Amino acid sequence: MILRCPECRTRRTTRGLFTRHVQTTGHKLCRCGGYHYAHRPGSPLCAYNPLSALRLGDRDGADEDDLIRCALYIISETPALAPKVQALLEDWKIDVQPIR
């Protein structure tokens, strides 16, 4: 198993080496619950990622209408994320008009 430091991205081969590395360097792990393990803050499913609700909905099997509603909510709260939301929906082959 290879463990990767979320901050400096170096690799460790055992959990002990990884834990020692994190403790000595002070690098931070996120334990928000988006993943079932400690992870890099801002990872795709991390609660601190502004698009995590959309990705979690997709992972949990939400239908296209729910995903579009979620996307529109994210855009209404943070208009600067519109291009990222649009790209994500296109990756999932969800057909929507350009969102502005």
Protein backbone atom coordinates (compact mmCIF):
# COMPACT_ATOMS: atom_id res chain seq x y z
CA MET A 1 0.00 0.00 0.00
CA ILE A 2 1.25 3.48 -0.88
CA LEU A 3 0.11 6.39 1.28
CA ARG A 4 0.45 9.90 -0.10
CA CYS A 5 0.84 13.01 2.02
CA PRO A 6 -2.04 15.36 1.21
CA GLU A 7 0.06 18.49 1.51
CA CYS A 8 3.48 17.74 -0.01
CA ARG A 9 2.32 14.70 -2.04
CA THR A 10 5.30 12.54 -1.03
CA ARG A 11 4.70 8.80 -0.73
CA ARG A 12 5.14 6.46 2.23
CA THR A 13 4.94 2.69 2.05
CA THR A 14 3.61 1.96 5.54
CA ARG A 15 1.05 3.61 7.80
CA GLY A 16 3.72 4.05 10.50
CA LEU A 17 6.04 5.98 8.18
CA PHE A 18 3.13 8.05 6.93
CA THR A 19 1.96 8.89 10.46
CA ARG A 20 5.49 9.84 11.50
CA HIS A 21 5.85 12.06 8.43
CA VAL A 22 2.57 13.89 9.14
CA GLN A 23 3.46 14.37 12.81
CA THR A 24 6.97 15.67 12.17
CA THR A 25 6.06 18.00 9.31
CA GLY A 26 2.75 19.26 10.74
CA HIS A 27 0.93 18.64 7.47
CA LYS A 28 -2.83 18.70 7.91
CA LEU A 29 -5.32 15.97 7.08
CA CYS A 30 -9.04 16.60 6.72
CA ARG A 31 -11.52 14.37 8.54
CA CYS A 32 -14.77 16.02 7.39
CA GLY A 33 -16.51 12.75 6.53
CA GLY A 34 -16.58 13.23 2.76
CA TYR A 35 -14.35 10.16 2.56
CA HIS A 36 -14.13 7.29 5.04
CA TYR A 37 -10.47 8.16 5.68
CA ALA A 38 -8.37 11.25 6.40
CA HIS A 39 -7.71 13.03 3.12
CA ARG A 40 -6.37 16.18 1.48
CA PRO A 41 -8.49 19.24 2.31
CA GLY A 42 -10.44 20.25 -0.78
CA SER A 43 -10.43 16.80 -2.41
CA PRO A 44 -13.35 16.21 -4.81
CA LEU A 45 -15.68 14.75 -2.15
CA CYS A 46 -14.34 16.82 0.77
CA ALA A 47 -16.99 18.93 2.49
CA TYR A 48 -14.73 21.97 2.04
CA ASN A 49 -14.81 21.62 -1.76
CA PRO A 50 -17.60 23.84 -3.11
CA LEU A 51 -18.56 21.20 -5.72
CA SER A 52 -18.67 18.29 -3.27
CA ALA A 53 -22.49 18.32 -2.98
CA LEU A 54 -22.78 17.82 -6.73
CA ARG A 55 -20.22 15.00 -6.74
CA LEU A 56 -21.79 13.33 -3.70
CA GLY A 57 -25.18 13.46 -5.40
CA ASP A 58 -23.73 11.75 -8.45
CA ARG A 59 -21.97 9.14 -6.33
CA ASP A 60 -25.18 8.43 -4.41
CA GLY A 61 -27.22 7.95 -7.58
CA ALA A 62 -29.22 11.19 -7.83
CA ASP A 63 -31.13 11.57 -11.08
CA GLU A 64 -30.26 14.22 -13.67
CA ASP A 65 -32.94 16.66 -12.51
CA ASP A 66 -31.61 16.63 -8.95
CA LEU A 67 -28.05 17.11 -10.18
CA ILE A 68 -29.11 20.06 -12.33
CA ARG A 69 -30.99 21.60 -9.38
CA CYS A 70 -27.91 21.17 -7.21
CA ALA A 71 -25.71 22.70 -9.94
CA LEU A 72 -28.01 25.71 -10.24
CA TYR A 73 -27.95 26.20 -6.48
CA ILE A 74 -24.14 26.11 -6.41
CA ILE A 75 -24.02 28.65 -9.23
CA SER A 76 -26.56 30.92 -7.52
CA GLU A 77 -24.43 30.92 -4.36
CA THR A 78 -21.06 31.24 -6.15
CA PRO A 79 -21.37 32.48 -9.76
CA ALA A 80 -17.61 32.16 -10.33
CA LEU A 81 -17.99 28.35 -10.21
CA ALA A 82 -20.28 28.26 -13.28
CA PRO A 83 -17.55 27.10 -15.71
CA LYS A 84 -16.45 24.29 -13.36
CA VAL A 85 -20.03 23.16 -12.80
CA GLN A 86 -20.72 23.24 -16.55
CA ALA A 87 -17.58 21.17 -17.25
CA LEU A 88 -18.54 18.63 -14.60
CA LEU A 89 -22.05 18.20 -16.04
CA GLU A 90 -20.59 17.82 -19.53
CA ASP A 91 -18.19 15.13 -18.24
CA TRP A 92 -21.23 13.26 -16.92
CA LYS A 93 -23.00 13.67 -20.29
CA ILE A 94 -25.82 15.70 -18.75
CA ASP A 95 -27.23 17.91 -21.49
CA VAL A 96 -27.90 21.45 -20.28
CA GLN A 97 -27.77 24.83 -21.94
CA PRO A 98 -24.69 26.89 -21.10
CA ILE A 99 -25.07 28.04 -17.51
CA ARG A 100 -24.28 31.67 -16.77
